[in-house]
Protein backbone atom coordinates (compact mmCIF):
# COMPACT_ATOMS: atom_id res chain seq x y z
CA UNK A 1 31.50 -21.53 -2.67
CA UNK A 2 29.28 -18.59 -3.70
CA UNK A 3 26.00 -20.10 -1.65
CA UNK A 4 27.83 -21.02 1.53
CA UNK A 5 28.67 -17.59 1.89
CA UNK A 6 25.01 -16.39 0.86
CA UNK A 7 23.07 -18.56 3.76
CA UNK A 8 25.97 -18.08 6.34
CA UNK A 9 25.38 -13.93 6.22
CA UNK A 10 21.46 -14.26 5.43
CA UNK A 11 21.59 -17.03 8.50
CA UNK A 12 23.33 -14.59 10.73
CA UNK A 13 21.06 -11.53 9.80
CA UNK A 14 18.00 -13.27 10.19
CA UNK A 15 19.03 -14.22 14.19
CA UNK A 16 19.63 -11.04 14.94
CA UNK A 17 16.62 -9.24 13.25
CA UNK A 18 14.96 -12.40 15.83
CA UNK A 19 17.03 -11.79 18.51
CA UNK A 20 17.37 -8.20 19.23
CA UNK A 21 12.80 -8.34 18.64
CA UNK A 22 11.47 -4.59 18.75
CA UNK A 23 13.99 -2.82 19.38
CA UNK A 24 15.49 -3.20 15.95
CA UNK A 25 12.77 -1.49 14.73
CA UNK A 26 12.64 0.80 17.26
CA UNK A 27 15.91 2.18 16.93
CA UNK A 28 15.14 2.78 12.88
CA UNK A 29 11.74 4.44 13.13
CA UNK A 30 12.94 6.80 15.85
CA UNK A 31 15.44 8.46 13.50
CA UNK A 32 12.08 9.48 11.00
CA UNK A 33 9.44 9.32 13.36
CA UNK A 34 11.00 11.56 16.79
CA UNK A 35 11.64 14.70 16.60
CA UNK A 36 12.26 16.00 20.07
CA UNK A 37 13.84 14.06 23.01
CA UNK A 38 10.38 13.22 24.75
CA UNK A 39 8.99 11.48 21.84
CA UNK A 40 12.28 9.65 20.77
CA UNK A 41 11.81 8.37 24.74
CA UNK A 42 8.61 7.16 23.66
CA UNK A 43 9.32 6.11 20.80
CA UNK A 44 12.14 3.59 22.66
């Protein structure tokens, strides 16, 4: 049963990352890279 939940959660996380594409990485990075609104717009 534990393996079933592990694989279900793994598939859901993998599909989320694949379907979200570029925005997933850019959304996470803009918190650390961009300091002003203009820089945030360039990243996103």
